[in-house]
C-alpha atoms as a PDB file:
ATOM      1  CA  MET A   1     -16.279  10.008  13.444  1.00  0.00           C
ATOM      2  CA  SER A   2     -17.068   6.639  11.920  1.00  0.00           C
ATOM      3  CA  THR A   3     -15.100   3.445  12.206  1.00  0.00           C
ATOM      4  CA  PRO A   4     -14.448   1.739   8.867  1.00  0.00           C
ATOM      5  CA  ILE A   5     -14.864  -1.975   8.359  1.00  0.00           C
ATOM      6  CA  THR A   6     -11.453  -3.570   7.909  1.00  0.00           C
ATOM      7  CA  VAL A   7     -11.036  -7.161   6.752  1.00  0.00           C
ATOM      8  CA  GLN A   8      -7.671  -8.696   5.980  1.00  0.00           C
ATOM      9  CA  TYR A   9      -6.360 -12.115   4.998  1.00  0.00           C
ATOM     10  CA  LYS A  10      -2.937 -13.449   4.187  1.00  0.00           C
ATOM     11  CA  ILE A  11      -3.196 -15.196   0.819  1.00  0.00           C
ATOM     12  CA  ASN A  12      -0.655 -17.628  -0.547  1.00  0.00           C
ATOM     13  CA  ALA A  13      -0.268 -15.954  -3.948  1.00  0.00           C
ATOM     14  CA  PRO A  14       1.824 -13.091  -5.363  1.00  0.00           C
ATOM     15  CA  ALA A  15       0.333  -9.586  -5.408  1.00  0.00           C
ATOM     16  CA  GLU A  16       0.375  -9.570  -9.241  1.00  0.00           C
ATOM     17  CA  LYS A  17      -1.911 -12.616  -9.400  1.00  0.00           C
ATOM     18  CA  ILE A  18      -4.304 -11.141  -6.837  1.00  0.00           C
ATOM     19  CA  TRP A  19      -4.272  -7.777  -8.651  1.00  0.00           C
ATOM     20  CA  LYS A  20      -5.294  -9.500 -11.882  1.00  0.00           C
ATOM     21  CA  ALA A  21      -8.143 -11.254 -10.060  1.00  0.00           C
ATOM     22  CA  LEU A  22      -9.279  -7.884  -8.647  1.00  0.00           C
ATOM     23  CA  THR A  23      -9.057  -5.888 -11.864  1.00  0.00           C
ATOM     24  CA  ASP A  24      -9.725  -8.231 -14.797  1.00  0.00           C
ATOM     25  CA  LYS A  25     -13.478  -8.436 -15.372  1.00  0.00           C
ATOM     26  CA  ASP A  26     -13.199 -11.947 -16.848  1.00  0.00           C
ATOM     27  CA  GLU A  27     -11.431 -13.171 -13.712  1.00  0.00           C
ATOM     28  CA  MET A  28     -13.744 -11.221 -11.377  1.00  0.00           C
ATOM     29  CA  LYS A  29     -16.806 -13.135 -12.501  1.00  0.00           C
ATOM     30  CA  SER A  30     -15.142 -16.397 -11.417  1.00  0.00           C
ATOM     31  CA  TRP A  31     -14.952 -15.380  -7.745  1.00  0.00           C
ATOM     32  CA  TYR A  32     -16.539 -11.942  -7.180  1.00  0.00           C
ATOM     33  CA  PHE A  33     -19.191 -10.293  -9.325  1.00  0.00           C
ATOM     34  CA  ASP A  34     -19.894 -10.175 -13.051  1.00  0.00           C
ATOM     35  CA  ILE A  35     -19.108  -6.519 -13.780  1.00  0.00           C
ATOM     36  CA  GLN A  36     -19.527  -6.086 -17.531  1.00  0.00           C
ATOM     37  CA  ASP A  37     -18.670  -2.380 -17.662  1.00  0.00           C
ATOM     38  CA  PHE A  38     -15.587  -2.508 -15.398  1.00  0.00           C
ATOM     39  CA  ALA A  39     -12.535  -0.722 -16.799  1.00  0.00           C
ATOM     40  CA  LEU A  40      -9.385  -0.101 -14.786  1.00  0.00           C
ATOM     41  CA  GLU A  41      -9.211   3.656 -15.217  1.00  0.00           C
ATOM     42  CA  ILE A  42      -9.636   6.515 -12.729  1.00  0.00           C
ATOM     43  CA  GLY A  43     -13.067   8.088 -13.077  1.00  0.00           C
ATOM     44  CA  LYS A  44     -14.624   5.063 -14.783  1.00  0.00           C
ATOM     45  CA  GLU A  45     -17.966   4.007 -13.363  1.00  0.00           C
ATOM     46  CA  PHE A  46     -19.226   0.461 -13.122  1.00  0.00           C
ATOM     47  CA  ASN A  47     -22.491  -1.287 -12.259  1.00  0.00           C
ATOM     48  CA  PHE A  48     -23.455  -4.780 -11.202  1.00  0.00           C
ATOM     49  CA  TYR A  49     -26.046  -6.873  -9.405  1.00  0.00           C
ATOM     50  CA  GLU A  50     -25.588  -9.615  -6.853  1.00  0.00           C
ATOM     51  CA  PRO A  51     -25.290 -13.114  -8.362  1.00  0.00           C
ATOM     52  CA  GLY A  52     -28.369 -15.267  -8.743  1.00  0.00           C
ATOM     53  CA  GLY A  53     -30.299 -13.267 -11.328  1.00  0.00           C
ATOM     54  CA  GLU A  54     -32.672 -11.558  -8.888  1.00  0.00           C
ATOM     55  CA  ASN A  55     -31.224  -8.106  -9.664  1.00  0.00           C
ATOM     56  CA  LYS A  56     -32.454  -6.939  -6.272  1.00  0.00           C
ATOM     57  CA  TYR A  57     -29.530  -4.638  -5.482  1.00  0.00           C
ATOM     58  CA  HIS A  58     -28.020  -2.377  -8.121  1.00  0.00           C
ATOM     59  CA  HIS A  59     -24.426  -1.686  -7.061  1.00  0.00           C
ATOM     60  CA  HIS A  60     -22.629   1.324  -8.488  1.00  0.00           C
ATOM     61  CA  GLY A  61     -18.986   2.295  -8.194  1.00  0.00           C
ATOM     62  CA  GLU A  62     -16.491   4.800  -9.512  1.00  0.00           C
ATOM     63  CA  ILE A  63     -12.748   4.195  -9.523  1.00  0.00           C
ATOM     64  CA  LEU A  64     -10.926   6.788  -7.426  1.00  0.00           C
ATOM     65  CA  GLU A  65      -7.329   5.539  -7.181  1.00  0.00           C
ATOM     66  CA  ILE A  66      -5.138   2.926  -8.859  1.00  0.00           C
ATOM     67  CA  ILE A  67      -1.639   1.899  -7.824  1.00  0.00           C
ATOM     68  CA  PRO A  68      -0.959  -1.260  -9.887  1.00  0.00           C
ATOM     69  CA  ASN A  69      -0.377  -4.389  -7.781  1.00  0.00           C
ATOM     70  CA  GLN A  70      -0.822  -2.321  -4.591  1.00  0.00           C
ATOM     71  CA  LYS A  71      -4.081  -0.391  -4.260  1.00  0.00           C
ATOM     72  CA  LEU A  72      -7.528  -0.051  -5.806  1.00  0.00           C
ATOM     73  CA  LYS A  73      -9.980   2.460  -4.359  1.00  0.00           C
ATOM     74  CA  HIS A  74     -13.564   2.994  -5.528  1.00  0.00           C
ATOM     75  CA  THR A  75     -16.946   4.206  -4.383  1.00  0.00           C
ATOM     76  CA  TRP A  76     -19.657   1.697  -3.466  1.00  0.00           C
ATOM     77  CA  SER A  77     -23.292   2.719  -3.555  1.00  0.00           C
ATOM     78  CA  TYR A  78     -26.866   1.565  -4.136  1.00  0.00           C
ATOM     79  CA  PRO A  79     -28.463   4.279  -6.306  1.00  0.00           C
ATOM     80  CA  ASP A  80     -31.925   2.656  -6.130  1.00  0.00           C
ATOM     81  CA  PHE A  81     -31.941   3.107  -2.336  1.00  0.00           C
ATOM     82  CA  SER A  82     -29.790   6.132  -1.497  1.00  0.00           C
ATOM     83  CA  VAL A  83     -27.736   8.969  -2.996  1.00  0.00           C
ATOM     84  CA  LEU A  84     -25.066   8.394  -0.327  1.00  0.00           C
ATOM     85  CA  LYS A  85     -21.837   6.573  -1.155  1.00  0.00           C
ATOM     86  CA  THR A  86     -19.202   4.616   0.702  1.00  0.00           C
ATOM     87  CA  ILE A  87     -15.537   4.001  -0.171  1.00  0.00           C
ATOM     88  CA  VAL A  88     -13.901   0.588  -0.628  1.00  0.00           C
ATOM     89  CA  THR A  89     -10.102   0.307  -0.681  1.00  0.00           C
ATOM     90  CA  TRP A  90      -8.246  -2.888  -1.578  1.00  0.00           C
ATOM     91  CA  GLU A  91      -4.581  -2.965  -0.552  1.00  0.00           C
ATOM     92  CA  LEU A  92      -2.049  -5.668  -1.452  1.00  0.00           C
ATOM     93  CA  LEU A  93       0.963  -5.936   0.846  1.00  0.00           C
ATOM     94  CA  PRO A  94       3.596  -8.565  -0.033  1.00  0.00           C
ATOM     95  CA  GLU A  95       4.702 -10.454   3.066  1.00  0.00           C
ATOM     96  CA  ASP A  96       7.035 -13.479   3.263  1.00  0.00           C
ATOM     97  CA  GLY A  97       6.191 -14.830  -0.191  1.00  0.00           C
ATOM     98  CA  GLN A  98       2.484 -14.316   0.436  1.00  0.00           C
ATOM     99  CA  THR A  99       0.255 -11.262   0.131  1.00  0.00           C
ATOM    100  CA  LEU A 100      -1.710  -9.572   2.876  1.00  0.00           C
ATOM    101  CA  VAL A 101      -4.963  -8.416   1.296  1.00  0.00           C
ATOM    102  CA  LYS A 102      -6.557  -5.627   3.296  1.00  0.00           C
ATOM    103  CA  LEU A 103     -10.011  -4.301   2.493  1.00  0.00           C
ATOM    104  CA  THR A 104     -11.300  -1.125   4.130  1.00  0.00           C
ATOM    105  CA  HIS A 105     -14.931  -0.057   3.699  1.00  0.00           C
ATOM    106  CA  GLU A 106     -15.434   3.533   4.888  1.00  0.00           C
ATOM    107  CA  ASN A 107     -18.579   5.539   5.658  1.00  0.00           C
ATOM    108  CA  ILE A 108     -20.704   2.422   6.126  1.00  0.00           C
ATOM    109  CA  GLU A 109     -22.992   4.451   8.415  1.00  0.00           C
ATOM    110  CA  ASN A 110     -24.285   6.105   5.212  1.00  0.00           C
ATOM    111  CA  PHE A 111     -26.350   2.933   4.721  1.00  0.00           C
ATOM    112  CA  LYS A 112     -27.649   2.675   8.315  1.00  0.00           C
ATOM    113  CA  ASP A 113     -31.224   3.616   7.385  1.00  0.00           C
ATOM    114  CA  LEU A 114     -31.499   1.121   4.519  1.00  0.00           C
ATOM    115  CA  GLY A 115     -32.275  -1.988   6.607  1.00  0.00           C
ATOM    116  CA  ASP A 116     -30.533  -5.087   7.947  1.00  0.00           C
ATOM    117  CA  GLY A 117     -29.104  -6.109   4.569  1.00  0.00           C
ATOM    118  CA  PHE A 118     -26.996  -2.938   4.672  1.00  0.00           C
ATOM    119  CA  SER A 119     -25.816  -3.241   8.279  1.00  0.00           C
ATOM    120  CA  ARG A 120     -22.216  -3.167   9.459  1.00  0.00           C
ATOM    121  CA  ASP A 121     -22.519  -6.847  10.447  1.00  0.00           C
ATOM    122  CA  SER A 122     -23.921  -7.806   7.062  1.00  0.00           C
ATOM    123  CA  PHE A 123     -21.096  -6.047   5.212  1.00  0.00           C
ATOM    124  CA  THR A 124     -18.457  -7.475   7.560  1.00  0.00           C
ATOM    125  CA  GLN A 125     -19.753 -11.008   6.960  1.00  0.00           C
ATOM    126  CA  GLY A 126     -19.928 -10.395   3.223  1.00  0.00           C
ATOM    127  CA  TRP A 127     -16.381  -9.071   2.954  1.00  0.00           C
ATOM    128  CA  ASN A 128     -15.044 -11.925   5.106  1.00  0.00           C
ATOM    129  CA  THR A 129     -16.672 -14.416   2.732  1.00  0.00           C
ATOM    130  CA  ILE A 130     -15.470 -12.577  -0.376  1.00  0.00           C
ATOM    131  CA  LEU A 131     -11.855 -12.237   0.825  1.00  0.00           C
ATOM    132  CA  GLY A 132     -11.414 -15.210   3.132  1.00  0.00           C
ATOM    133  CA  GLN A 133     -13.143 -17.756   0.916  1.00  0.00           C
ATOM    134  CA  SER A 134     -13.911 -16.642  -2.640  1.00  0.00           C
ATOM    135  CA  LEU A 135     -10.738 -14.654  -3.468  1.00  0.00           C
ATOM    136  CA  LYS A 136      -8.418 -16.827  -1.363  1.00  0.00           C
ATOM    137  CA  GLU A 137      -9.645 -20.088  -2.924  1.00  0.00           C
ATOM    138  CA  TYR A 138      -9.603 -18.618  -6.437  1.00  0.00           C
ATOM    139  CA  VAL A 139      -6.017 -17.329  -6.425  1.00  0.00           C
ATOM    140  CA  GLU A 140      -4.513 -20.137  -4.337  1.00  0.00           C
ATOM    141  CA  LYS A 141      -5.709 -22.935  -6.642  1.00  0.00           C
END
């Protein structure tokens, strides 16, 4: 049995504001990724590349679950490197006027043969930067 990556931060913003940042493609490109084909609808697929214009890693996802202002769950994969997928779940938990944002990335071992850039440590660092810096700074300003 695998152990998912779990990253969580308490953010000084209401869940509704964080939800908008997570699900509005115009807001996403300000702090996350520029995902042109993102649509908040179960079954919708989306694609994006890392910022910087290198287009080295094609990311692909499919939305699996939506609970507005509470939960967004989608697949996360790299179709140019593997047919295997992982699952990313964003949860928003209001707490004392703030919001606990919890990200869980499951099945990360599916990428174990793809190299260091796909390691558990690499993903953990990436999610900590995305949640603890990028998202936090964006919604708290």
